[in-house]
Amino acid sequence: MENSLTWGEDGNILIRPDIRQQLETAQKIRNTFFNQQNGLGTQYAVETVALSASKRRSVLNLDGQLLDYSHGRNFTARLVWPNTMREGNESKLTLVGTGNTAPRSISYTGPWAQFRLLGAGALTSVDDNTFKVRFSIDGGYMEYQIHVDSESNPFTGGLFSGFRLPETLY
């Protein structure tokens, strides 16, 4: 901390070390989710990697941003969060089988639906700015690689898992 609240006149720290750690986490959350103008948002790219042979098509809907994929050449789409902050937002992955079975989906609603959907997949190859996520639905799967533009990965950092600010700083 860079202010006079860090050290008392007697040389002791005025703010407990556990509180300082939580304040540093709060700053990391702010840097991850807010731009320099304090606007909420983060950008990332979703790259198609693999669709199981038992499925012929996948449709990924992230708050109205659609990625429609069938077997063939992989592609990358650039996306933003939040696309909208409506309470009725939906993020959904649908896999369409090769036979006459009905499509099967996994979906979440609300302003954090994108994060909840991506968190529902199995994460692998996690790096600072990239990771793979694999969704298994109805005996098939779809795998994506996520590329994050920010220096802190909002999807894999566990930023909120241990974040707690107490009522007092002393």
C-alpha atoms as a PDB file:
ATOM      1  CA  MET A   1       0.000   0.000   0.000  1.00  0.00           C
ATOM      2  CA  GLU A   2       1.327   3.396  -0.879  1.00  0.00           C
ATOM      3  CA  ASN A   3      -0.348   5.618   1.682  1.00  0.00           C
ATOM      4  CA  SER A   4       0.271   6.718   5.252  1.00  0.00           C
ATOM      5  CA  LEU A   5      -2.230   4.186   6.612  1.00  0.00           C
ATOM      6  CA  THR A   6       0.279   1.399   6.176  1.00  0.00           C
ATOM      7  CA  TRP A   7       2.585   2.256   9.080  1.00  0.00           C
ATOM      8  CA  GLY A   8       1.732   3.795  12.430  1.00  0.00           C
ATOM      9  CA  GLU A   9       3.925   6.281  14.291  1.00  0.00           C
ATOM     10  CA  ASP A  10       5.311   3.401  16.340  1.00  0.00           C
ATOM     11  CA  GLY A  11       6.337   1.539  13.184  1.00  0.00           C
ATOM     12  CA  ASN A  12       3.515  -0.994  13.353  1.00  0.00           C
ATOM     13  CA  ILE A  13       1.285  -1.799  10.437  1.00  0.00           C
ATOM     14  CA  LEU A  14      -2.143  -0.184  10.855  1.00  0.00           C
ATOM     15  CA  ILE A  15      -3.914  -2.507   8.419  1.00  0.00           C
ATOM     16  CA  ARG A  16      -3.691  -6.216   9.177  1.00  0.00           C
ATOM     17  CA  PRO A  17      -1.782  -8.348   6.619  1.00  0.00           C
ATOM     18  CA  ASP A  18      -4.883 -10.440   5.825  1.00  0.00           C
ATOM     19  CA  ILE A  19      -6.791  -7.233   5.019  1.00  0.00           C
ATOM     20  CA  ARG A  20      -3.957  -6.014   2.783  1.00  0.00           C
ATOM     21  CA  GLN A  21      -4.117  -9.322   0.898  1.00  0.00           C
ATOM     22  CA  GLN A  22      -7.871  -8.898   0.377  1.00  0.00           C
ATOM     23  CA  LEU A  23      -7.376  -5.313  -0.829  1.00  0.00           C
ATOM     24  CA  GLU A  24      -4.771  -6.551  -3.323  1.00  0.00           C
ATOM     25  CA  THR A  25      -7.274  -9.158  -4.541  1.00  0.00           C
ATOM     26  CA  ALA A  26      -9.902  -6.408  -4.876  1.00  0.00           C
ATOM     27  CA  GLN A  27      -7.471  -4.429  -7.039  1.00  0.00           C
ATOM     28  CA  LYS A  28      -6.843  -7.498  -9.209  1.00  0.00           C
ATOM     29  CA  ILE A  29     -10.616  -7.967  -9.651  1.00  0.00           C
ATOM     30  CA  ARG A  30     -10.930  -4.303 -10.638  1.00  0.00           C
ATOM     31  CA  ASN A  31      -8.064  -4.566 -13.144  1.00  0.00           C
ATOM     32  CA  THR A  32      -9.547  -7.741 -14.616  1.00  0.00           C
ATOM     33  CA  PHE A  33     -13.121  -6.558 -15.100  1.00  0.00           C
ATOM     34  CA  PHE A  34     -12.840  -2.790 -15.582  1.00  0.00           C
ATOM     35  CA  ASN A  35     -10.978  -0.801 -18.235  1.00  0.00           C
ATOM     36  CA  GLN A  36      -8.987   2.397 -17.592  1.00  0.00           C
ATOM     37  CA  GLN A  37     -12.151   4.480 -17.952  1.00  0.00           C
ATOM     38  CA  ASN A  38     -13.808   2.298 -15.253  1.00  0.00           C
ATOM     39  CA  GLY A  39     -16.107   0.666 -17.791  1.00  0.00           C
ATOM     40  CA  LEU A  40     -17.141  -2.896 -17.035  1.00  0.00           C
ATOM     41  CA  GLY A  41     -16.003  -5.404 -19.631  1.00  0.00           C
ATOM     42  CA  THR A  42     -13.495  -7.931 -20.832  1.00  0.00           C
ATOM     43  CA  GLN A  43     -12.693  -9.230 -24.306  1.00  0.00           C
ATOM     44  CA  TYR A  44     -11.749 -12.733 -25.279  1.00  0.00           C
ATOM     45  CA  ALA A  45     -11.672 -15.086 -28.255  1.00  0.00           C
ATOM     46  CA  VAL A  46     -13.243 -18.525 -28.574  1.00  0.00           C
ATOM     47  CA  GLU A  47     -11.598 -20.973 -30.966  1.00  0.00           C
ATOM     48  CA  THR A  48     -13.298 -24.190 -32.021  1.00  0.00           C
ATOM     49  CA  VAL A  49     -11.060 -27.213 -31.382  1.00  0.00           C
ATOM     50  CA  ALA A  50     -12.991 -30.490 -31.629  1.00  0.00           C
ATOM     51  CA  LEU A  51     -16.513 -31.865 -32.010  1.00  0.00           C
ATOM     52  CA  SER A  52     -17.126 -35.539 -31.266  1.00  0.00           C
ATOM     53  CA  ALA A  53     -17.974 -37.824 -34.188  1.00  0.00           C
ATOM     54  CA  SER A  54     -21.366 -38.624 -32.630  1.00  0.00           C
ATOM     55  CA  LYS A  55     -22.441 -34.994 -33.055  1.00  0.00           C
ATOM     56  CA  ARG A  56     -22.813 -33.121 -36.320  1.00  0.00           C
ATOM     57  CA  ARG A  57     -23.184 -29.557 -35.052  1.00  0.00           C
ATOM     58  CA  SER A  58     -22.667 -27.337 -32.024  1.00  0.00           C
ATOM     59  CA  VAL A  59     -24.183 -23.934 -31.353  1.00  0.00           C
ATOM     60  CA  LEU A  60     -22.586 -21.826 -28.621  1.00  0.00           C
ATOM     61  CA  ASN A  61     -24.651 -18.817 -27.548  1.00  0.00           C
ATOM     62  CA  LEU A  62     -22.858 -16.473 -25.147  1.00  0.00           C
ATOM     63  CA  ASP A  63     -25.312 -13.705 -24.258  1.00  0.00           C
ATOM     64  CA  GLY A  64     -26.537 -13.545 -27.865  1.00  0.00           C
ATOM     65  CA  GLN A  65     -23.098 -13.934 -29.471  1.00  0.00           C
ATOM     66  CA  LEU A  66     -23.425 -17.096 -31.592  1.00  0.00           C
ATOM     67  CA  LEU A  67     -20.732 -19.566 -32.670  1.00  0.00           C
ATOM     68  CA  ASP A  68     -22.192 -22.193 -34.984  1.00  0.00           C
ATOM     69  CA  TYR A  69     -19.810 -25.056 -35.797  1.00  0.00           C
ATOM     70  CA  SER A  70     -19.977 -28.237 -37.865  1.00  0.00           C
ATOM     71  CA  HIS A  71     -17.132 -30.644 -38.617  1.00  0.00           C
ATOM     72  CA  GLY A  72     -14.566 -28.889 -40.771  1.00  0.00           C
ATOM     73  CA  ARG A  73     -12.084 -26.096 -40.423  1.00  0.00           C
ATOM     74  CA  ASN A  74     -11.704 -24.558 -36.974  1.00  0.00           C
ATOM     75  CA  PHE A  75     -12.307 -20.842 -36.538  1.00  0.00           C
ATOM     76  CA  THR A  76     -11.980 -18.143 -33.892  1.00  0.00           C
ATOM     77  CA  ALA A  77     -14.609 -15.599 -32.844  1.00  0.00           C
ATOM     78  CA  ARG A  78     -13.925 -12.498 -30.756  1.00  0.00           C
ATOM     79  CA  LEU A  79     -16.432 -11.914 -27.962  1.00  0.00           C
ATOM     80  CA  VAL A  80     -17.104  -9.498 -25.119  1.00  0.00           C
ATOM     81  CA  TRP A  81     -18.488  -9.730 -21.618  1.00  0.00           C
ATOM     82  CA  PRO A  82     -20.881  -8.362 -20.742  1.00  0.00           C
ATOM     83  CA  ASN A  83     -22.692  -8.348 -24.040  1.00  0.00           C
ATOM     84  CA  THR A  84     -25.727  -7.192 -22.103  1.00  0.00           C
ATOM     85  CA  MET A  85     -26.511  -7.086 -18.377  1.00  0.00           C
ATOM     86  CA  ARG A  86     -30.160  -8.087 -18.655  1.00  0.00           C
ATOM     87  CA  GLU A  87     -31.408 -10.414 -15.955  1.00  0.00           C
ATOM     88  CA  GLY A  88     -32.789 -12.757 -18.649  1.00  0.00           C
ATOM     89  CA  ASN A  89     -29.435 -13.256 -20.413  1.00  0.00           C
ATOM     90  CA  GLU A  90     -28.847 -16.779 -21.581  1.00  0.00           C
ATOM     91  CA  SER A  91     -25.623 -18.572 -22.371  1.00  0.00           C
ATOM     92  CA  LYS A  92     -26.102 -22.002 -23.852  1.00  0.00           C
ATOM     93  CA  LEU A  93     -24.294 -24.778 -25.680  1.00  0.00           C
ATOM     94  CA  THR A  94     -26.366 -27.073 -27.881  1.00  0.00           C
ATOM     95  CA  LEU A  95     -25.049 -30.240 -29.506  1.00  0.00           C
ATOM     96  CA  VAL A  96     -26.960 -31.766 -32.419  1.00  0.00           C
ATOM     97  CA  GLY A  97     -26.558 -35.511 -32.905  1.00  0.00           C
ATOM     98  CA  THR A  98     -25.966 -37.374 -36.166  1.00  0.00           C
ATOM     99  CA  GLY A  99     -29.176 -39.410 -35.856  1.00  0.00           C
ATOM    100  CA  ASN A 100     -32.800 -38.522 -35.307  1.00  0.00           C
ATOM    101  CA  THR A 101     -32.355 -37.575 -31.658  1.00  0.00           C
ATOM    102  CA  ALA A 102     -33.349 -34.180 -30.319  1.00  0.00           C
ATOM    103  CA  PRO A 103     -30.566 -31.639 -29.721  1.00  0.00           C
ATOM    104  CA  ARG A 104     -29.288 -31.499 -26.145  1.00  0.00           C
ATOM    105  CA  SER A 105     -28.153 -28.371 -24.313  1.00  0.00           C
ATOM    106  CA  ILE A 106     -26.621 -26.966 -21.188  1.00  0.00           C
ATOM    107  CA  SER A 107     -27.614 -23.394 -20.319  1.00  0.00           C
ATOM    108  CA  TYR A 108     -27.413 -20.673 -17.693  1.00  0.00           C
ATOM    109  CA  THR A 109     -29.240 -17.364 -17.337  1.00  0.00           C
ATOM    110  CA  GLY A 110     -28.411 -14.025 -15.751  1.00  0.00           C
ATOM    111  CA  PRO A 111     -25.653 -11.415 -16.046  1.00  0.00           C
ATOM    112  CA  TRP A 112     -22.923 -13.956 -15.156  1.00  0.00           C
ATOM    113  CA  ALA A 113     -24.254 -16.687 -17.463  1.00  0.00           C
ATOM    114  CA  GLN A 114     -21.151 -16.671 -19.715  1.00  0.00           C
ATOM    115  CA  PHE A 115     -18.891 -17.342 -16.741  1.00  0.00           C
ATOM    116  CA  ARG A 116     -21.185 -19.997 -15.325  1.00  0.00           C
ATOM    117  CA  LEU A 117     -21.382 -21.829 -18.655  1.00  0.00           C
ATOM    118  CA  LEU A 118     -17.625 -21.774 -19.226  1.00  0.00           C
ATOM    119  CA  GLY A 119     -17.125 -22.870 -15.619  1.00  0.00           C
ATOM    120  CA  ALA A 120     -19.398 -25.874 -16.220  1.00  0.00           C
ATOM    121  CA  GLY A 121     -16.954 -27.366 -18.711  1.00  0.00           C
ATOM    122  CA  ALA A 122     -13.790 -29.295 -17.935  1.00  0.00           C
ATOM    123  CA  LEU A 123     -10.823 -26.908 -18.079  1.00  0.00           C
ATOM    124  CA  THR A 124      -7.490 -28.179 -19.398  1.00  0.00           C
ATOM    125  CA  SER A 125      -4.217 -26.685 -20.657  1.00  0.00           C
ATOM    126  CA  VAL A 126      -4.738 -23.686 -18.378  1.00  0.00           C
ATOM    127  CA  ASP A 127      -2.187 -20.928 -18.949  1.00  0.00           C
ATOM    128  CA  ASP A 128      -2.185 -17.233 -18.027  1.00  0.00           C
ATOM    129  CA  ASN A 129      -4.018 -16.148 -21.185  1.00  0.00           C
ATOM    130  CA  THR A 130      -5.411 -19.368 -22.682  1.00  0.00           C
ATOM    131  CA  PHE A 131      -7.179 -22.540 -21.673  1.00  0.00           C
ATOM    132  CA  LYS A 132      -9.254 -25.291 -23.226  1.00  0.00           C
ATOM    133  CA  VAL A 133     -12.771 -26.085 -22.090  1.00  0.00           C
ATOM    134  CA  ARG A 134     -14.548 -29.317 -22.969  1.00  0.00           C
ATOM    135  CA  PHE A 135     -18.287 -29.778 -22.640  1.00  0.00           C
ATOM    136  CA  SER A 136     -19.701 -33.302 -22.487  1.00  0.00           C
ATOM    137  CA  ILE A 137     -23.384 -33.508 -23.389  1.00  0.00           C
ATOM    138  CA  ASP A 138     -25.492 -36.574 -24.191  1.00  0.00           C
ATOM    139  CA  GLY A 139     -22.604 -38.881 -25.060  1.00  0.00           C
ATOM    140  CA  GLY A 140     -20.768 -36.302 -27.176  1.00  0.00           C
ATOM    141  CA  TYR A 141     -18.480 -33.362 -26.608  1.00  0.00           C
ATOM    142  CA  MET A 142     -17.371 -29.997 -27.942  1.00  0.00           C
ATOM    143  CA  GLU A 143     -14.016 -28.472 -27.079  1.00  0.00           C
ATOM    144  CA  TYR A 144     -13.001 -24.824 -27.361  1.00  0.00           C
ATOM    145  CA  GLN A 145      -9.799 -22.897 -26.701  1.00  0.00           C
ATOM    146  CA  ILE A 146     -10.312 -19.568 -24.951  1.00  0.00           C
ATOM    147  CA  HIS A 147      -7.827 -16.719 -25.502  1.00  0.00           C
ATOM    148  CA  VAL A 148      -8.024 -13.861 -22.989  1.00  0.00           C
ATOM    149  CA  ASP A 149      -6.938 -10.310 -23.846  1.00  0.00           C
ATOM    150  CA  SER A 150      -6.338  -9.079 -20.304  1.00  0.00           C
ATOM    151  CA  GLU A 151      -3.291  -9.762 -18.159  1.00  0.00           C
ATOM    152  CA  SER A 152      -5.523 -11.484 -15.586  1.00  0.00           C
ATOM    153  CA  ASN A 153      -7.639 -14.371 -16.835  1.00  0.00           C
ATOM    154  CA  PRO A 154     -11.195 -13.729 -15.571  1.00  0.00           C
ATOM    155  CA  PHE A 155     -12.257 -17.326 -16.199  1.00  0.00           C
ATOM    156  CA  THR A 156      -9.584 -19.342 -14.405  1.00  0.00           C
ATOM    157  CA  GLY A 157      -8.146 -17.121 -11.695  1.00  0.00           C
ATOM    158  CA  GLY A 158     -10.586 -18.006  -8.921  1.00  0.00           C
ATOM    159  CA  LEU A 159     -10.725 -14.290  -8.146  1.00  0.00           C
ATOM    160  CA  PHE A 160     -13.920 -14.470  -6.126  1.00  0.00           C
ATOM    161  CA  SER A 161     -13.465 -17.830  -4.398  1.00  0.00           C
ATOM    162  CA  GLY A 162     -11.502 -16.568  -1.386  1.00  0.00           C
ATOM    163  CA  PHE A 163     -12.388 -12.889  -1.518  1.00  0.00           C
ATOM    164  CA  ARG A 164     -13.768 -11.548   1.770  1.00  0.00           C
ATOM    165  CA  LEU A 165     -13.508  -8.057   3.195  1.00  0.00           C
ATOM    166  CA  PRO A 166     -14.196  -7.770   6.931  1.00  0.00           C
ATOM    167  CA  GLU A 167     -16.191  -4.951   8.446  1.00  0.00           C
ATOM    168  CA  THR A 168     -13.083  -3.226   9.854  1.00  0.00           C
ATOM    169  CA  LEU A 169      -9.562  -2.706   8.542  1.00  0.00           C
ATOM    170  CA  TYR A 170      -7.770  -2.851  11.904  1.00  0.00           C
END
